[in-house]
Amino acid sequence: RTGEPSMTEPITLVQESADQAGLVVYAPVWRDEQAGLPDAF
């Protein structure tokens, strides 16, 4: 929606076996800026 990198709230990572929280920042990638959904993150 914003076109900018966005961070999750503290989450349990799929690959995490410990109890500590994980954080993921997603940055959208558009090859065609007119497209609705990005091609990747």
All heavy atoms as atom14 arrays in JSON, in Angstrom:
{
  "sequence": "RTGEPSMTEPITLVQESADQAGLVVYAPVWRDEQAGLPDAF",
  "atom14_mask": [
    [1, 1, 1, 1, 1, 1, 1, 1, 1, 1, 1, 0, 0, 0],
    [1, 1, 1, 1, 1, 1, 1, 0, 0, 0, 0, 0, 0, 0],
    [1, 1, 1, 1, 0, 0, 0, 0, 0, 0, 0, 0, 0, 0],
    [1, 1, 1, 1, 1, 1, 1, 1, 1, 0, 0, 0, 0, 0],
    [1, 1, 1, 1, 1, 1, 1, 0, 0, 0, 0, 0, 0, 0],
    [1, 1, 1, 1, 1, 1, 0, 0, 0, 0, 0, 0, 0, 0],
    [1, 1, 1, 1, 1, 1, 1, 1, 0, 0, 0, 0, 0, 0],
    [1, 1, 1, 1, 1, 1, 1, 0, 0, 0, 0, 0, 0, 0],
    [1, 1, 1, 1, 1, 1, 1, 1, 1, 0, 0, 0, 0, 0],
    [1, 1, 1, 1, 1, 1, 1, 0, 0, 0, 0, 0, 0, 0],
    [1, 1, 1, 1, 1, 1, 1, 1, 0, 0, 0, 0, 0, 0],
    [1, 1, 1, 1, 1, 1, 1, 0, 0, 0, 0, 0, 0, 0],
    [1, 1, 1, 1, 1, 1, 1, 1, 0, 0, 0, 0, 0, 0],
    [1, 1, 1, 1, 1, 1, 1, 0, 0, 0, 0, 0, 0, 0],
    [1, 1, 1, 1, 1, 1, 1, 1, 1, 0, 0, 0, 0, 0],
    [1, 1, 1, 1, 1, 1, 1, 1, 1, 0, 0, 0, 0, 0],
    [1, 1, 1, 1, 1, 1, 0, 0, 0, 0, 0, 0, 0, 0],
    [1, 1, 1, 1, 1, 0, 0, 0, 0, 0, 0, 0, 0, 0],
    [1, 1, 1, 1, 1, 1, 1, 1, 0, 0, 0, 0, 0, 0],
    [1, 1, 1, 1, 1, 1, 1, 1, 1, 0, 0, 0, 0, 0],
    [1, 1, 1, 1, 1, 0, 0, 0, 0, 0, 0, 0, 0, 0],
    [1, 1, 1, 1, 0, 0, 0, 0, 0, 0, 0, 0, 0, 0],
    [1, 1, 1, 1, 1, 1, 1, 1, 0, 0, 0, 0, 0, 0],
    [1, 1, 1, 1, 1, 1, 1, 0, 0, 0, 0, 0, 0, 0],
    [1, 1, 1, 1, 1, 1, 1, 0, 0, 0, 0, 0, 0, 0],
    [1, 1, 1, 1, 1, 1, 1, 1, 1, 1, 1, 1, 0, 0],
    [1, 1, 1, 1, 1, 0, 0, 0, 0, 0, 0, 0, 0, 0],
    [1, 1, 1, 1, 1, 1, 1, 0, 0, 0, 0, 0, 0, 0],
    [1, 1, 1, 1, 1, 1, 1, 0, 0, 0, 0, 0, 0, 0],
    [1, 1, 1, 1, 1, 1, 1, 1, 1, 1, 1, 1, 1, 1],
    [1, 1, 1, 1, 1, 1, 1, 1, 1, 1, 1, 0, 0, 0],
    [1, 1, 1, 1, 1, 1, 1, 1, 0, 0, 0, 0, 0, 0],
    [1, 1, 1, 1, 1, 1, 1, 1, 1, 0, 0, 0, 0, 0],
    [1, 1, 1, 1, 1, 1, 1, 1, 1, 0, 0, 0, 0, 0],
    [1, 1, 1, 1, 1, 0, 0, 0, 0, 0, 0, 0, 0, 0],
    [1, 1, 1, 1, 0, 0, 0, 0, 0, 0, 0, 0, 0, 0],
    [1, 1, 1, 1, 1, 1, 1, 1, 0, 0, 0, 0, 0, 0],
    [1, 1, 1, 1, 1, 1, 1, 0, 0, 0, 0, 0, 0, 0],
    [1, 1, 1, 1, 1, 1, 1, 1, 0, 0, 0, 0, 0, 0],
    [1, 1, 1, 1, 1, 0, 0, 0, 0, 0, 0, 0, 0, 0],
    [1, 1, 1, 1, 1, 1, 1, 1, 1, 1, 1, 0, 0, 0]
  ],
  "atom14_positions": [
    [[0.82, -1.21, 0.0], [0.0, 0.0, 0.0], [0.85, 1.27, 0.0], [0.53, 2.24, -0.66], [-0.94, 0.01, 1.22], [-2.0, -1.09, 1.2], [-3.09, -0.77, 2.22], [-2.57, -0.47, 3.52], [-2.33, -1.36, 4.47], [-2.57, -2.65, 4.22], [-1.87, -0.99, 5.64], [0.0, 0.0, 0.0], [0.0, 0.0, 0.0], [0.0, 0.0, 0.0]],
    [[1.94, 1.25, 0.78], [2.75, 2.47, 0.92], [3.88, 2.55, -0.08], [4.42, 3.63, -0.32], [3.33, 2.54, 2.34], [4.2, 1.41, 2.55], [2.22, 2.52, 3.38], [0.0, 0.0, 0.0], [0.0, 0.0, 0.0], [0.0, 0.0, 0.0], [0.0, 0.0, 0.0], [0.0, 0.0, 0.0], [0.0, 0.0, 0.0], [0.0, 0.0, 0.0]],
    [[4.29, 1.39, -0.63], [5.43, 1.38, -1.52], [6.76, 1.51, -0.78], [7.79, 1.7, -1.41], [0.0, 0.0, 0.0], [0.0, 0.0, 0.0], [0.0, 0.0, 0.0], [0.0, 0.0, 0.0], [0.0, 0.0, 0.0], [0.0, 0.0, 0.0], [0.0, 0.0, 0.0], [0.0, 0.0, 0.0], [0.0, 0.0, 0.0], [0.0, 0.0, 0.0]],
    [[6.75, 1.41, 0.54], [7.95, 1.55, 1.35], [8.18, 0.28, 2.17], [7.23, -0.47, 2.43], [7.81, 2.75, 2.32], [7.6, 4.09, 1.64], [8.84, 4.55, 0.9], [9.94, 4.06, 1.25], [8.72, 5.37, -0.02], [0.0, 0.0, 0.0], [0.0, 0.0, 0.0], [0.0, 0.0, 0.0], [0.0, 0.0, 0.0], [0.0, 0.0, 0.0]],
    [[9.44, 0.03, 2.59], [9.7, -1.12, 3.46], [8.86, -1.05, 4.73], [8.69, 0.02, 5.31], [11.2, -1.01, 3.76], [11.76, -0.21, 2.63], [10.69, 0.75, 2.23], [0.0, 0.0, 0.0], [0.0, 0.0, 0.0], [0.0, 0.0, 0.0], [0.0, 0.0, 0.0], [0.0, 0.0, 0.0], [0.0, 0.0, 0.0], [0.0, 0.0, 0.0]],
    [[8.31, -2.19, 5.16], [7.45, -2.23, 6.34], [7.85, -3.4, 7.22], [8.19, -4.49, 6.73], [5.97, -2.36, 5.94], [5.54, -1.21, 5.24], [0.0, 0.0, 0.0], [0.0, 0.0, 0.0], [0.0, 0.0, 0.0], [0.0, 0.0, 0.0], [0.0, 0.0, 0.0], [0.0, 0.0, 0.0], [0.0, 0.0, 0.0], [0.0, 0.0, 0.0]],
    [[7.77, -3.19, 8.55], [8.2, -4.19, 9.52], [7.01, -4.87, 10.17], [5.95, -4.26, 10.37], [9.07, -3.52, 10.6], [9.55, -4.45, 11.7], [10.47, -3.57, 12.99], [11.99, -3.23, 12.12], [0.0, 0.0, 0.0], [0.0, 0.0, 0.0], [0.0, 0.0, 0.0], [0.0, 0.0, 0.0], [0.0, 0.0, 0.0], [0.0, 0.0, 0.0]],
    [[7.19, -6.15, 10.53], [6.17, -6.88, 11.27], [6.23, -6.51, 12.74], [7.2, -5.93, 13.21], [6.38, -8.4, 11.14], [7.62, -8.76, 11.81], [6.43, -8.83, 9.69], [0.0, 0.0, 0.0], [0.0, 0.0, 0.0], [0.0, 0.0, 0.0], [0.0, 0.0, 0.0], [0.0, 0.0, 0.0], [0.0, 0.0, 0.0], [0.0, 0.0, 0.0]],
    [[5.16, -6.84, 13.48], [5.25, -6.83, 14.93], [6.11, -8.02, 15.35], [6.47, -8.85, 14.54], [3.86, -6.92, 15.54], [3.17, -8.27, 15.33], [1.84, -8.35, 16.08], [0.97, -7.47, 15.88], [1.7, -9.31, 16.86], [0.0, 0.0, 0.0], [0.0, 0.0, 0.0], [0.0, 0.0, 0.0], [0.0, 0.0, 0.0], [0.0, 0.0, 0.0]],
    [[6.5, -8.13, 16.64], [7.28, -9.29, 17.07], [6.52, -10.59, 16.77], [5.36, -10.75, 17.15], [7.45, -9.08, 18.58], [7.28, -7.61, 18.77], [6.29, -7.17, 17.74], [0.0, 0.0, 0.0], [0.0, 0.0, 0.0], [0.0, 0.0, 0.0], [0.0, 0.0, 0.0], [0.0, 0.0, 0.0], [0.0, 0.0, 0.0], [0.0, 0.0, 0.0]],
    [[7.17, -11.5, 16.04], [6.53, -12.75, 15.63], [7.43, -13.93, 15.94], [8.62, -13.76, 16.24], [6.19, -12.73, 14.12], [7.49, -12.64, 13.3], [5.26, -11.6, 13.77], [7.27, -12.76, 11.8], [0.0, 0.0, 0.0], [0.0, 0.0, 0.0], [0.0, 0.0, 0.0], [0.0, 0.0, 0.0], [0.0, 0.0, 0.0], [0.0, 0.0, 0.0]],
    [[6.86, -15.12, 15.87], [7.63, -16.36, 15.96], [8.01, -16.78, 14.55], [7.16, -17.06, 13.72], [6.83, -17.47, 16.64], [6.46, -17.04, 17.95], [7.66, -18.75, 16.73], [0.0, 0.0, 0.0], [0.0, 0.0, 0.0], [0.0, 0.0, 0.0], [0.0, 0.0, 0.0], [0.0, 0.0, 0.0], [0.0, 0.0, 0.0], [0.0, 0.0, 0.0]],
    [[9.3, -16.79, 14.24], [9.77, -17.13, 12.91], [9.6, -18.62, 12.64], [9.72, -19.45, 13.55], [11.24, -16.74, 12.75], [11.56, -15.24, 12.91], [13.07, -15.03, 12.93], [10.92, -14.45, 11.78], [0.0, 0.0, 0.0], [0.0, 0.0, 0.0], [0.0, 0.0, 0.0], [0.0, 0.0, 0.0], [0.0, 0.0, 0.0], [0.0, 0.0, 0.0]],
    [[9.34, -18.95, 11.38], [9.18, -20.36, 11.01], [10.44, -21.13, 11.35], [10.39, -22.27, 11.82], [8.85, -20.47, 9.5], [8.79, -21.93, 9.08], [7.56, -19.76, 9.2], [0.0, 0.0, 0.0], [0.0, 0.0, 0.0], [0.0, 0.0, 0.0], [0.0, 0.0, 0.0], [0.0, 0.0, 0.0], [0.0, 0.0, 0.0], [0.0, 0.0, 0.0]],
    [[11.6, -20.5, 11.11], [12.87, -21.19, 11.3], [13.43, -21.03, 12.7], [14.53, -21.51, 12.97], [13.91, -20.64, 10.31], [14.27, -19.17, 10.5], [13.35, -18.24, 9.74], [12.17, -18.54, 9.6], [13.87, -17.12, 9.25], [0.0, 0.0, 0.0], [0.0, 0.0, 0.0], [0.0, 0.0, 0.0], [0.0, 0.0, 0.0], [0.0, 0.0, 0.0]],
    [[12.68, -20.37, 13.61], [13.21, -20.07, 14.94], [12.8, -21.16, 15.93], [11.62, -21.48, 16.07], [12.68, -18.71, 15.42], [13.18, -18.28, 16.78], [14.67, -18.1, 16.79], [15.19, -17.2, 16.11], [15.34, -18.92, 17.47], [0.0, 0.0, 0.0], [0.0, 0.0, 0.0], [0.0, 0.0, 0.0], [0.0, 0.0, 0.0], [0.0, 0.0, 0.0]],
    [[13.81, -21.72, 16.63], [13.52, -22.73, 17.64], [13.57, -22.15, 19.04], [13.08, -22.75, 19.98], [14.54, -23.88, 17.54], [15.86, -23.39, 17.7], [0.0, 0.0, 0.0], [0.0, 0.0, 0.0], [0.0, 0.0, 0.0], [0.0, 0.0, 0.0], [0.0, 0.0, 0.0], [0.0, 0.0, 0.0], [0.0, 0.0, 0.0], [0.0, 0.0, 0.0]],
    [[14.19, -20.99, 19.21], [14.29, -20.36, 20.52], [13.03, -19.55, 20.81], [12.14, -19.43, 19.97], [15.53, -19.47, 20.58], [0.0, 0.0, 0.0], [0.0, 0.0, 0.0], [0.0, 0.0, 0.0], [0.0, 0.0, 0.0], [0.0, 0.0, 0.0], [0.0, 0.0, 0.0], [0.0, 0.0, 0.0], [0.0, 0.0, 0.0], [0.0, 0.0, 0.0]],
    [[12.98, -18.97, 22.03], [11.79, -18.23, 22.44], [11.83, -16.76, 22.03], [10.86, -16.05, 22.22], [11.64, -18.3, 23.97], [11.35, -19.72, 24.43], [10.78, -20.48, 23.62], [11.69, -20.04, 25.57], [0.0, 0.0, 0.0], [0.0, 0.0, 0.0], [0.0, 0.0, 0.0], [0.0, 0.0, 0.0], [0.0, 0.0, 0.0], [0.0, 0.0, 0.0]],
    [[12.95, -16.29, 21.52], [13.04, -14.85, 21.24], [12.18, -14.47, 20.04], [11.92, -15.26, 19.14], [14.49, -14.43, 21.03], [15.15, -14.96, 19.77], [16.52, -14.31, 19.54], [16.65, -13.09, 19.68], [17.52, -15.12, 19.22], [0.0, 0.0, 0.0], [0.0, 0.0, 0.0], [0.0, 0.0, 0.0], [0.0, 0.0, 0.0], [0.0, 0.0, 0.0]],
    [[11.77, -13.19, 20.05], [10.9, -12.68, 18.99], [11.7, -12.44, 17.72], [12.9, -12.16, 17.76], [10.24, -11.39, 19.45], [0.0, 0.0, 0.0], [0.0, 0.0, 0.0], [0.0, 0.0, 0.0], [0.0, 0.0, 0.0], [0.0, 0.0, 0.0], [0.0, 0.0, 0.0], [0.0, 0.0, 0.0], [0.0, 0.0, 0.0], [0.0, 0.0, 0.0]],
    [[11.01, -12.53, 16.6], [11.61, -12.22, 15.31], [10.94, -11.0, 14.7], [9.79, -10.67, 14.99], [0.0, 0.0, 0.0], [0.0, 0.0, 0.0], [0.0, 0.0, 0.0], [0.0, 0.0, 0.0], [0.0, 0.0, 0.0], [0.0, 0.0, 0.0], [0.0, 0.0, 0.0], [0.0, 0.0, 0.0], [0.0, 0.0, 0.0], [0.0, 0.0, 0.0]],
    [[11.67, -10.3, 13.85], [11.16, -9.13, 13.13], [11.55, -9.28, 11.66], [12.68, -9.66, 11.36], [11.78, -7.84, 13.68], [11.59, -7.55, 15.18], [12.52, -6.45, 15.61], [10.14, -7.15, 15.45], [0.0, 0.0, 0.0], [0.0, 0.0, 0.0], [0.0, 0.0, 0.0], [0.0, 0.0, 0.0], [0.0, 0.0, 0.0], [0.0, 0.0, 0.0]],
    [[10.61, -8.99, 10.76], [10.89, -9.08, 9.33], [10.47, -7.76, 8.68], [9.38, -7.25, 8.93], [10.14, -10.26, 8.67], [10.56, -10.38, 7.21], [10.39, -11.56, 9.41], [0.0, 0.0, 0.0], [0.0, 0.0, 0.0], [0.0, 0.0, 0.0], [0.0, 0.0, 0.0], [0.0, 0.0, 0.0], [0.0, 0.0, 0.0], [0.0, 0.0, 0.0]],
    [[11.35, -7.21, 7.86], [11.05, -6.0, 7.09], [10.93, -6.4, 5.63], [11.86, -6.97, 5.05], [12.15, -4.94, 7.26], [11.82, -3.71, 6.43], [12.3, -4.55, 8.73], [0.0, 0.0, 0.0], [0.0, 0.0, 0.0], [0.0, 0.0, 0.0], [0.0, 0.0, 0.0], [0.0, 0.0, 0.0], [0.0, 0.0, 0.0], [0.0, 0.0, 0.0]],
    [[9.76, -6.12, 5.03], [9.49, -6.46, 3.64], [9.59, -5.21, 2.77], [9.02, -4.16, 3.1], [8.09, -7.07, 3.49], [7.94, -8.41, 4.15], [7.32, -8.53, 5.39], [8.43, -9.57, 3.55], [7.18, -9.76, 6.02], [8.3, -10.81, 4.18], [7.67, -10.9, 5.4], [7.54, -12.11, 6.0], [0.0, 0.0, 0.0], [0.0, 0.0, 0.0]],
    [[10.3, -5.33, 1.64], [10.42, -4.24, 0.67], [9.84, -4.72, -0.66], [10.32, -5.71, -1.23], [11.88, -3.82, 0.48], [0.0, 0.0, 0.0], [0.0, 0.0, 0.0], [0.0, 0.0, 0.0], [0.0, 0.0, 0.0], [0.0, 0.0, 0.0], [0.0, 0.0, 0.0], [0.0, 0.0, 0.0], [0.0, 0.0, 0.0], [0.0, 0.0, 0.0]],
    [[8.78, -4.08, -1.2], [8.15, -4.55, -2.44], [9.03, -4.26, -3.66], [9.77, -3.28, -3.69], [6.84, -3.75, -2.48], [7.16, -2.5, -1.72], [8.12, -2.88, -0.65], [0.0, 0.0, 0.0], [0.0, 0.0, 0.0], [0.0, 0.0, 0.0], [0.0, 0.0, 0.0], [0.0, 0.0, 0.0], [0.0, 0.0, 0.0], [0.0, 0.0, 0.0]],
    [[8.92, -5.15, -4.67], [9.69, -5.0, -5.91], [8.72, -5.02, -7.09], [8.05, -6.03, -7.33], [10.73, -6.13, -6.07], [11.53, -5.93, -7.36], [11.64, -6.18, -4.86], [0.0, 0.0, 0.0], [0.0, 0.0, 0.0], [0.0, 0.0, 0.0], [0.0, 0.0, 0.0], [0.0, 0.0, 0.0], [0.0, 0.0, 0.0], [0.0, 0.0, 0.0]],
    [[8.62, -3.89, -7.79], [7.79, -3.8, -9.0], [8.68, -3.66, -10.24], [9.56, -2.8, -10.28], [6.89, -2.56, -8.94], [5.63, -2.72, -8.17], [4.48, -3.34, -8.58], [5.37, -2.24, -6.85], [3.52, -3.28, -7.6], [4.04, -2.6, -6.51], [6.13, -1.55, -5.92], [3.47, -2.28, -5.29], [5.57, -1.24, -4.71], [4.25, -1.61, -4.39]],
    [[8.48, -4.52, -11.21], [9.12, -4.3, -12.51], [8.28, -3.31, -13.32], [8.8, -2.53, -14.1], [9.27, -5.62, -13.28], [10.18, -6.62, -12.58], [10.35, -7.88, -13.44], [11.09, -8.89, -12.71], [12.41, -8.96, -12.66], [13.12, -8.04, -13.29], [13.01, -9.9, -11.97], [0.0, 0.0, 0.0], [0.0, 0.0, 0.0], [0.0, 0.0, 0.0]],
    [[6.97, -3.38, -13.13], [6.05, -2.46, -13.79], [5.35, -1.66, -12.69], [4.55, -2.21, -11.92], [5.02, -3.23, -14.63], [4.03, -2.27, -15.34], [4.21, -1.03, -15.21], [3.11, -2.79, -15.99], [0.0, 0.0, 0.0], [0.0, 0.0, 0.0], [0.0, 0.0, 0.0], [0.0, 0.0, 0.0], [0.0, 0.0, 0.0], [0.0, 0.0, 0.0]],
    [[5.67, -0.38, -12.58], [5.15, 0.43, -11.47], [3.65, 0.66, -11.58], [3.01, 1.1, -10.63], [5.87, 1.78, -11.43], [7.35, 1.66, -11.12], [8.0, 3.01, -10.96], [7.3, 4.02, -11.17], [9.19, 3.06, -10.64], [0.0, 0.0, 0.0], [0.0, 0.0, 0.0], [0.0, 0.0, 0.0], [0.0, 0.0, 0.0], [0.0, 0.0, 0.0]],
    [[3.06, 0.38, -12.75], [1.62, 0.55, -12.92], [0.85, -0.68, -12.44], [-0.38, -0.64, -12.34], [1.29, 0.81, -14.41], [2.0, 2.03, -14.98], [1.66, 3.3, -14.23], [0.5, 3.5, -13.84], [2.66, 4.15, -14.01], [0.0, 0.0, 0.0], [0.0, 0.0, 0.0], [0.0, 0.0, 0.0], [0.0, 0.0, 0.0], [0.0, 0.0, 0.0]],
    [[1.54, -1.77, -12.2], [0.86, -3.01, -11.78], [0.33, -2.86, -10.36], [0.85, -2.09, -9.55], [1.82, -4.18, -11.87], [0.0, 0.0, 0.0], [0.0, 0.0, 0.0], [0.0, 0.0, 0.0], [0.0, 0.0, 0.0], [0.0, 0.0, 0.0], [0.0, 0.0, 0.0], [0.0, 0.0, 0.0], [0.0, 0.0, 0.0], [0.0, 0.0, 0.0]],
    [[-0.7, -3.64, -10.06], [-1.29, -3.56, -8.73], [-0.41, -4.25, -7.69], [0.05, -3.63, -6.74], [0.0, 0.0, 0.0], [0.0, 0.0, 0.0], [0.0, 0.0, 0.0], [0.0, 0.0, 0.0], [0.0, 0.0, 0.0], [0.0, 0.0, 0.0], [0.0, 0.0, 0.0], [0.0, 0.0, 0.0], [0.0, 0.0, 0.0], [0.0, 0.0, 0.0]],
    [[-0.17, -5.56, -7.88], [0.68, -6.29, -6.96], [2.12, -6.24, -7.42], [2.41, -6.19, -8.62], [0.23, -7.76, -6.88], [-1.07, -8.03, -6.11], [-1.41, -9.51, -6.18], [-0.93, -7.59, -4.66], [0.0, 0.0, 0.0], [0.0, 0.0, 0.0], [0.0, 0.0, 0.0], [0.0, 0.0, 0.0], [0.0, 0.0, 0.0], [0.0, 0.0, 0.0]],
    [[3.09, -6.28, -6.48], [4.49, -6.32, -6.88], [4.84, -7.69, -7.46], [4.11, -8.66, -7.29], [5.23, -6.05, -5.57], [4.3, -6.53, -4.51], [2.91, -6.26, -5.01], [0.0, 0.0, 0.0], [0.0, 0.0, 0.0], [0.0, 0.0, 0.0], [0.0, 0.0, 0.0], [0.0, 0.0, 0.0], [0.0, 0.0, 0.0], [0.0, 0.0, 0.0]],
    [[5.97, -7.75, -8.14], [6.45, -9.03, -8.67], [7.09, -9.87, -7.57], [7.12, -11.1, -7.68], [7.47, -8.78, -9.78], [6.85, -8.04, -10.95], [6.24, -8.7, -11.81], [6.96, -6.8, -10.99], [0.0, 0.0, 0.0], [0.0, 0.0, 0.0], [0.0, 0.0, 0.0], [0.0, 0.0, 0.0], [0.0, 0.0, 0.0], [0.0, 0.0, 0.0]],
    [[7.61, -9.22, -6.55], [8.29, -9.95, -5.48], [8.48, -9.01, -4.3], [8.14, -7.82, -4.34], [9.64, -10.48, -5.97], [0.0, 0.0, 0.0], [0.0, 0.0, 0.0], [0.0, 0.0, 0.0], [0.0, 0.0, 0.0], [0.0, 0.0, 0.0], [0.0, 0.0, 0.0], [0.0, 0.0, 0.0], [0.0, 0.0, 0.0], [0.0, 0.0, 0.0]],
    [[9.03, -9.58, -3.21], [9.46, -8.81, -2.05], [10.9, -9.22, -1.73], [11.3, -10.37, -1.99], [8.61, -9.1, -0.8], [7.16, -8.74, -0.93], [6.24, -9.64, -1.44], [6.7, -7.49, -0.53], [4.89, -9.32, -1.55], [5.36, -7.16, -0.64], [4.46, -8.08, -1.15], [0.0, 0.0, 0.0], [0.0, 0.0, 0.0], [0.0, 0.0, 0.0]]
  ]
}
